[in-house]
Amino acid sequence: MSKETVLAVRSSSKSSVRKVRTFRKDLKMSRLITCAFIGGTGMGTLFGDLGFKTGGHRSIKTPYGDEVMYTIVRRGDLAFVAIDRHYSTGNFRQADQLDHRAYMYALWKVNQFFPSVFNIQYIFSTSAVGGLHNTRHVQDGLELGDIVVPHDVKDFTRGVWSYSVKDRYVHPTAFHRSANGLFCRHLQQLLQENEQVKFGGVLACAITGPLYETPVEIVEFTRHGIFNLLGMQTVTPEAYYARQNSMHLAVACVVTDTPDVEHDVDGEEVARIMNLRKPLLADLFVTAMLDVQDMAGFKCSCTKKLPVFHEDLAGDPADVMGMPVD
């Protein structure tokens, strides 16, 4: 290696270290950031609207053609990453237009380039869903505004949720991951400790969106007898990508319509109900995140295998991080 190359490498390394130190100083915290929040309809400003301190947007380059936007939310000793899935790559995207790979990959990537700041292991997310009046799995049935932590999920969109092994950044020996316990049972338990949250039921990712189920489809799901919640193509890919990232994930669903009782629903009503539940959702997730900070290092099936990615990705952290966006 030439003298010029050595000097260039040292200069780049020092620049990256300075940026990391400045980044940590801006956060005014000593703990690693271990949690992330992914919000859906109406949740992009969940914490900012409720008085939490939110830093400016930052961007991360990904190999999927899109930069991912995220913010850092702080309150006291707690700091976590927040991503608005519909605006995660800039302009608004409907549920069927989302590239879940980009923002799920980004959560892994920040850990690699900024290990002194990030060690994201735990992901909490929301999803607006329809609730069927089937009491088989959810006590007392489901009503508008209920927050439910489902115990399992079924994908009817026939998506293939896997990072492509054809890409150079995915390890060629990465094999399929088990979907048993796709929602982390440890995180689920933390969420269900809130008395206002209902636990159980199966979420059916029934349609790609942004459409709703037809009346005959609703009758069909009701006859199955095992589905309680109906959602769009959102939760399933995030859950599978979290598993491939070797991360823990739990979702809290908000019942924004009851399709087996009333079929007339629109986006405005969904947004209205989600907005009403903001205070409870914020308290729910913040409480769980504070608890999970004391569980650092615990193991479960979510982390049974290493992430599917190479750890020697090319790139300079100083370039990857991007500049804050107004």
Protein backbone atom coordinates (compact mmCIF):
# COMPACT_ATOMS: atom_id res chain seq x y z
CA MET A 1 0.00 0.00 0.00
CA SER A 2 1.41 3.37 -1.00
CA LYS A 3 2.10 6.16 1.46
CA GLU A 4 -0.59 8.28 -0.20
CA THR A 5 -3.16 5.49 0.20
CA VAL A 6 -2.29 5.01 3.88
CA LEU A 7 -2.65 8.72 4.54
CA ALA A 8 -5.98 8.79 2.71
CA VAL A 9 -7.31 5.85 4.74
CA ARG A 10 -6.17 7.43 8.02
CA SER A 11 -7.77 10.73 7.04
CA SER A 12 -11.05 9.04 6.12
CA SER A 13 -11.04 7.04 9.37
CA LYS A 14 -10.43 10.13 11.49
CA SER A 15 -13.20 11.97 9.66
CA SER A 16 -15.64 9.13 10.35
CA VAL A 17 -14.67 9.00 14.03
CA ARG A 18 -15.19 12.77 14.36
CA LYS A 19 -18.63 12.47 12.78
CA VAL A 20 -19.61 9.66 15.14
CA ARG A 21 -18.41 11.64 18.18
CA THR A 22 -20.32 14.71 17.00
CA PHE A 23 -23.38 12.55 16.35
CA ARG A 24 -23.26 11.14 19.90
CA LYS A 25 -22.67 14.60 21.37
CA ASP A 26 -25.75 15.88 19.53
CA LEU A 27 -27.80 13.05 21.07
CA LYS A 28 -26.64 14.02 24.59
CA MET A 29 -26.88 10.43 25.77
CA SER A 30 -24.58 7.62 26.80
CA ARG A 31 -26.66 4.51 26.10
CA LEU A 32 -26.73 2.80 22.75
CA ILE A 33 -29.93 3.18 20.74
CA THR A 34 -31.44 -0.31 20.78
CA CYS A 35 -35.08 0.29 19.78
CA ALA A 36 -36.90 1.36 16.64
CA PHE A 37 -40.48 2.35 15.97
CA ILE A 38 -42.21 1.90 12.59
CA GLY A 39 -45.46 3.80 12.25
CA GLY A 40 -48.21 3.58 9.66
CA THR A 41 -51.30 5.67 8.99
CA GLY A 42 -51.26 8.84 11.08
CA MET A 43 -48.29 7.66 13.13
CA GLY A 44 -45.50 9.58 11.41
CA THR A 45 -45.73 12.43 13.92
CA LEU A 46 -46.86 10.30 16.87
CA PHE A 47 -44.15 11.31 19.30
CA GLY A 48 -43.52 14.85 18.07
CA ASP A 49 -47.19 15.75 18.45
CA LEU A 50 -47.07 14.60 22.06
CA GLY A 51 -44.11 16.71 23.10
CA PHE A 52 -41.22 14.29 22.65
CA LYS A 53 -37.95 15.72 21.42
CA THR A 54 -37.37 14.71 17.82
CA GLY A 55 -34.17 15.40 15.93
CA GLY A 56 -34.10 16.44 12.30
CA HIS A 57 -34.58 13.85 9.60
CA ARG A 58 -31.51 11.91 8.58
CA SER A 59 -31.01 9.74 5.53
CA ILE A 60 -29.31 6.41 4.93
CA LYS A 61 -28.37 5.12 1.51
CA THR A 62 -29.54 1.62 0.68
CA PRO A 63 -28.79 -0.74 -2.22
CA TYR A 64 -32.46 -0.68 -3.25
CA GLY A 65 -32.34 2.64 -5.07
CA ASP A 66 -33.87 4.66 -2.23
CA GLU A 67 -32.51 6.58 0.71
CA VAL A 68 -34.38 5.91 3.93
CA MET A 69 -35.46 8.80 6.14
CA TYR A 70 -35.55 8.40 9.92
CA THR A 71 -35.62 10.53 13.04
CA ILE A 72 -34.24 10.07 16.54
CA VAL A 73 -36.79 10.52 19.31
CA ARG A 74 -35.67 11.33 22.87
CA ARG A 75 -37.22 11.55 26.29
CA GLY A 76 -35.03 11.45 29.37
CA ASP A 77 -32.64 8.51 29.15
CA LEU A 78 -34.58 6.91 26.29
CA ALA A 79 -33.66 7.44 22.64
CA PHE A 80 -34.94 5.43 19.69
CA VAL A 81 -35.21 5.53 15.92
CA ALA A 82 -38.59 6.34 14.36
CA ILE A 83 -39.54 5.57 10.76
CA ASP A 84 -42.75 6.56 9.00
CA ARG A 85 -43.15 3.65 6.59
CA HIS A 86 -45.29 5.61 4.12
CA TYR A 87 -42.76 8.47 3.90
CA SER A 88 -39.64 6.40 4.61
CA THR A 89 -38.20 7.03 1.14
CA GLY A 90 -39.36 10.62 0.74
CA ASN A 91 -42.65 10.98 -1.10
CA PHE A 92 -45.80 9.33 0.22
CA ARG A 93 -46.33 5.72 -0.85
CA GLN A 94 -49.44 3.61 -0.47
CA ALA A 95 -49.27 0.19 1.20
CA ASP A 96 -48.90 -1.62 -2.12
CA GLN A 97 -46.07 0.71 -3.22
CA LEU A 98 -43.81 0.31 -0.20
CA ASP A 99 -40.39 -1.25 -0.56
CA HIS A 100 -40.09 -2.77 2.89
CA ARG A 101 -36.60 -4.01 2.12
CA ALA A 102 -35.17 -0.50 2.11
CA TYR A 103 -36.18 0.67 5.59
CA MET A 104 -35.75 -2.74 7.21
CA TYR A 105 -32.26 -3.03 5.70
CA ALA A 106 -31.49 0.50 6.93
CA LEU A 107 -32.16 -0.51 10.54
CA TRP A 108 -29.48 -3.16 10.21
CA LYS A 109 -27.09 -0.89 8.34
CA VAL A 110 -26.83 1.85 10.98
CA ASN A 111 -25.70 -0.80 13.47
CA GLN A 112 -22.78 -1.71 11.23
CA PHE A 113 -21.55 1.77 10.45
CA PHE A 114 -22.18 3.39 13.83
CA PRO A 115 -21.73 0.65 16.46
CA SER A 116 -20.89 3.24 19.11
CA VAL A 117 -24.32 4.85 18.63
CA PHE A 118 -26.70 2.14 17.40
CA ASN A 119 -27.38 -1.43 18.39
CA ILE A 120 -30.95 -1.72 17.16
CA GLN A 121 -32.39 -5.05 18.24
CA TYR A 122 -36.03 -4.34 19.08
CA ILE A 123 -38.66 -3.10 16.64
CA PHE A 124 -42.16 -1.97 17.61
CA SER A 125 -44.72 -1.15 14.93
CA THR A 126 -48.34 -0.17 14.42
CA SER A 127 -50.91 -1.26 11.87
CA ALA A 128 -54.44 -0.02 11.20
CA VAL A 129 -56.68 -3.06 10.74
CA GLY A 130 -60.25 -4.24 10.45
CA GLY A 131 -61.57 -6.18 13.43
CA LEU A 132 -63.95 -9.14 13.09
CA HIS A 133 -66.43 -9.84 15.90
CA ASN A 134 -65.00 -13.28 16.54
CA THR A 135 -64.43 -13.92 20.25
CA ARG A 136 -62.67 -17.22 19.76
CA HIS A 137 -59.19 -15.78 20.25
CA VAL A 138 -59.76 -12.26 21.60
CA GLN A 139 -61.59 -11.83 24.88
CA ASP A 140 -64.72 -9.62 24.79
CA GLY A 141 -64.60 -9.29 21.01
CA LEU A 142 -63.35 -6.30 19.05
CA GLU A 143 -64.63 -2.75 18.89
CA LEU A 144 -63.52 0.39 17.08
CA GLY A 145 -60.40 1.84 18.68
CA ASP A 146 -59.27 -1.38 20.32
CA ILE A 147 -55.51 -1.95 20.42
CA VAL A 148 -54.68 -5.61 19.86
CA VAL A 149 -51.37 -7.49 20.01
CA PRO A 150 -51.90 -10.50 17.70
CA HIS A 151 -50.16 -13.78 18.40
CA ASP A 152 -49.74 -14.84 14.76
CA VAL A 153 -50.14 -13.71 11.16
CA LYS A 154 -51.23 -15.23 7.85
CA ASP A 155 -50.17 -13.76 4.51
CA PHE A 156 -52.75 -13.99 1.72
CA THR A 157 -50.89 -11.67 -0.66
CA ARG A 158 -48.54 -14.50 -1.65
CA GLY A 159 -45.50 -12.32 -1.26
CA VAL A 160 -42.04 -13.86 -1.13
CA TRP A 161 -40.42 -12.08 1.78
CA SER A 162 -36.70 -12.60 1.39
CA TYR A 163 -33.68 -10.52 0.55
CA SER A 164 -32.30 -11.80 -2.74
CA VAL A 165 -29.16 -13.94 -2.43
CA LYS A 166 -28.26 -12.72 -5.92
CA ASP A 167 -27.29 -9.38 -4.40
CA ARG A 168 -23.67 -9.04 -3.34
CA TYR A 169 -24.63 -7.75 0.12
CA VAL A 170 -26.53 -10.92 1.08
CA HIS A 171 -24.43 -13.83 2.23
CA PRO A 172 -24.65 -16.78 -0.20
CA THR A 173 -25.03 -19.26 2.68
CA ALA A 174 -28.05 -17.49 4.15
CA PHE A 175 -30.90 -20.00 4.36
CA HIS A 176 -34.61 -19.71 5.01
CA ARG A 177 -35.57 -18.66 8.53
CA SER A 178 -38.26 -20.28 10.65
CA ALA A 179 -41.51 -18.34 10.95
CA ASN A 180 -42.30 -19.89 14.32
CA GLY A 181 -42.84 -17.08 16.79
CA LEU A 182 -42.54 -14.45 14.06
CA PHE A 183 -43.78 -11.86 16.54
CA CYS A 184 -41.29 -11.81 19.41
CA ARG A 185 -42.98 -13.30 22.46
CA HIS A 186 -40.83 -11.24 24.83
CA LEU A 187 -41.85 -7.95 23.23
CA GLN A 188 -45.47 -9.08 22.99
CA GLN A 189 -45.49 -9.75 26.72
CA LEU A 190 -44.22 -6.25 27.42
CA LEU A 191 -47.01 -4.74 25.31
CA GLN A 192 -49.79 -6.84 26.82
CA GLU A 193 -48.87 -5.72 30.34
CA ASN A 194 -50.91 -2.61 29.57
CA GLU A 195 -54.46 -3.30 30.81
CA GLN A 196 -55.98 -1.32 27.94
CA VAL A 197 -54.44 -3.63 25.34
CA LYS A 198 -56.08 -6.83 24.14
CA PHE A 199 -53.91 -9.82 23.35
CA GLY A 200 -54.37 -12.69 20.93
CA GLY A 201 -56.00 -13.31 17.61
CA VAL A 202 -54.62 -13.91 14.17
CA LEU A 203 -53.89 -11.07 11.76
CA ALA A 204 -54.68 -11.85 8.12
CA CYS A 205 -52.70 -9.71 5.67
CA ALA A 206 -55.56 -10.17 3.29
CA ILE A 207 -55.05 -7.66 0.51
CA THR A 208 -52.18 -5.67 -0.99
CA GLY A 209 -53.96 -2.35 -0.56
CA PRO A 210 -54.85 0.43 -0.65
CA LEU A 211 -58.20 -1.28 -1.20
CA TYR A 212 -60.49 -3.00 1.29
CA GLU A 213 -61.98 -6.48 1.26
CA THR A 214 -65.22 -7.09 -0.60
CA PRO A 215 -68.28 -8.27 1.39
CA VAL A 216 -67.90 -11.82 0.11
CA GLU A 217 -64.23 -11.86 1.13
CA ILE A 218 -65.19 -10.73 4.61
CA VAL A 219 -67.75 -13.54 4.83
CA GLU A 220 -65.05 -16.00 3.75
CA PHE A 221 -62.59 -14.82 6.41
CA THR A 222 -65.33 -14.95 9.04
CA ARG A 223 -66.15 -18.55 8.12
CA HIS A 224 -62.55 -19.58 8.62
CA GLY A 225 -63.10 -18.93 12.30
CA ILE A 226 -59.42 -18.33 13.05
CA PHE A 227 -58.93 -14.76 11.81
CA ASN A 228 -59.74 -11.75 13.96
CA LEU A 229 -57.88 -8.94 12.25
CA LEU A 230 -57.68 -7.96 8.57
CA GLY A 231 -54.80 -5.83 7.33
CA MET A 232 -53.06 -4.82 4.15
CA GLN A 233 -49.66 -5.93 2.85
CA THR A 234 -47.54 -4.36 5.58
CA VAL A 235 -46.93 -6.41 8.71
CA THR A 236 -45.89 -9.69 7.08
CA PRO A 237 -42.86 -8.43 5.14
CA GLU A 238 -41.65 -6.37 8.09
CA ALA A 239 -41.90 -9.41 10.36
CA TYR A 240 -39.99 -11.64 7.94
CA TYR A 241 -37.31 -9.03 7.27
CA ALA A 242 -36.87 -8.52 11.02
CA ARG A 243 -36.31 -12.25 11.36
CA GLN A 244 -33.71 -12.17 8.55
CA ASN A 245 -32.10 -9.15 10.22
CA SER A 246 -31.95 -11.21 13.44
CA MET A 247 -34.08 -8.64 15.27
CA HIS A 248 -37.07 -8.84 17.61
CA LEU A 249 -40.38 -7.37 16.38
CA ALA A 250 -43.84 -6.89 17.85
CA VAL A 251 -46.84 -5.10 16.38
CA ALA A 252 -49.79 -3.35 18.00
CA CYS A 253 -52.85 -3.29 15.74
CA VAL A 254 -55.51 -0.58 16.01
CA VAL A 255 -59.05 -1.58 15.00
CA THR A 256 -60.18 1.20 12.68
CA ASP A 257 -63.22 -0.53 11.20
CA THR A 258 -65.44 -3.56 11.84
CA PRO A 259 -66.07 -4.91 8.32
CA ASP A 260 -68.37 -7.76 9.36
CA VAL A 261 -70.73 -5.19 10.91
CA GLU A 262 -70.28 -2.08 8.78
CA HIS A 263 -68.66 -2.12 5.34
CA ASP A 264 -68.65 1.64 4.76
CA VAL A 265 -65.13 2.78 5.69
CA ASP A 266 -62.68 5.29 4.26
CA GLY A 267 -59.22 6.69 4.93
CA GLU A 268 -60.50 9.71 6.83
CA GLU A 269 -62.20 7.53 9.43
CA VAL A 270 -59.08 5.40 9.77
CA ALA A 271 -56.92 8.48 10.33
CA ARG A 272 -59.42 9.86 12.86
CA ILE A 273 -59.37 6.72 15.01
CA MET A 274 -55.60 6.39 14.82
CA ASN A 275 -55.26 10.01 15.94
CA LEU A 276 -57.50 9.35 18.96
CA ARG A 277 -55.30 6.44 20.02
CA LYS A 278 -52.02 8.33 19.79
CA PRO A 279 -51.61 9.04 23.53
CA LEU A 280 -52.17 5.41 24.49
CA LEU A 281 -49.91 4.11 21.70
CA ALA A 282 -47.09 6.46 22.67
CA ASP A 283 -47.33 5.44 26.33
CA LEU A 284 -47.52 1.77 25.33
CA PHE A 285 -44.37 1.82 23.21
CA VAL A 286 -42.30 4.10 25.45
CA THR A 287 -43.04 1.93 28.49
CA ALA A 288 -42.05 -1.21 26.56
CA MET A 289 -38.87 0.40 25.25
CA LEU A 290 -37.82 1.46 28.75
CA ASP A 291 -38.38 -2.09 29.96
CA VAL A 292 -36.52 -3.67 27.05
CA GLN A 293 -33.45 -1.55 27.77
CA ASP A 294 -32.96 -3.62 30.91
CA MET A 295 -33.24 -6.85 28.90
CA ALA A 296 -30.22 -6.19 26.70
CA GLY A 297 -28.52 -9.35 25.55
CA PHE A 298 -31.39 -11.77 26.07
CA LYS A 299 -31.78 -14.46 23.42
CA CYS A 300 -34.81 -16.04 21.80
CA SER A 301 -35.72 -17.65 18.47
CA CYS A 302 -35.72 -14.21 16.79
CA THR A 303 -31.91 -14.10 17.05
CA LYS A 304 -31.22 -17.80 16.65
CA LYS A 305 -29.32 -17.17 13.42
CA LEU A 306 -27.05 -14.32 12.36
CA PRO A 307 -28.31 -11.63 9.94
CA VAL A 308 -28.26 -12.63 6.29
CA PHE A 309 -25.92 -9.79 5.32
CA HIS A 310 -22.20 -9.54 4.75
CA GLU A 311 -20.59 -7.47 7.48
CA ASP A 312 -17.82 -6.16 5.23
CA LEU A 313 -20.01 -3.93 3.08
CA ALA A 314 -18.06 -1.32 1.16
CA GLY A 315 -18.63 2.29 2.06
CA ASP A 316 -17.52 5.09 4.32
CA PRO A 317 -19.78 5.83 7.30
CA ALA A 318 -19.23 9.53 6.72
CA ASP A 319 -20.82 9.21 3.28
CA VAL A 320 -23.52 6.70 4.13
CA MET A 321 -25.09 8.68 6.92
CA GLY A 322 -26.11 11.59 4.74
CA MET A 323 -26.86 15.09 5.93
CA PRO A 324 -29.83 16.12 8.11
CA VAL A 325 -32.85 17.04 6.01
CA ASP A 326 -34.97 20.05 6.84
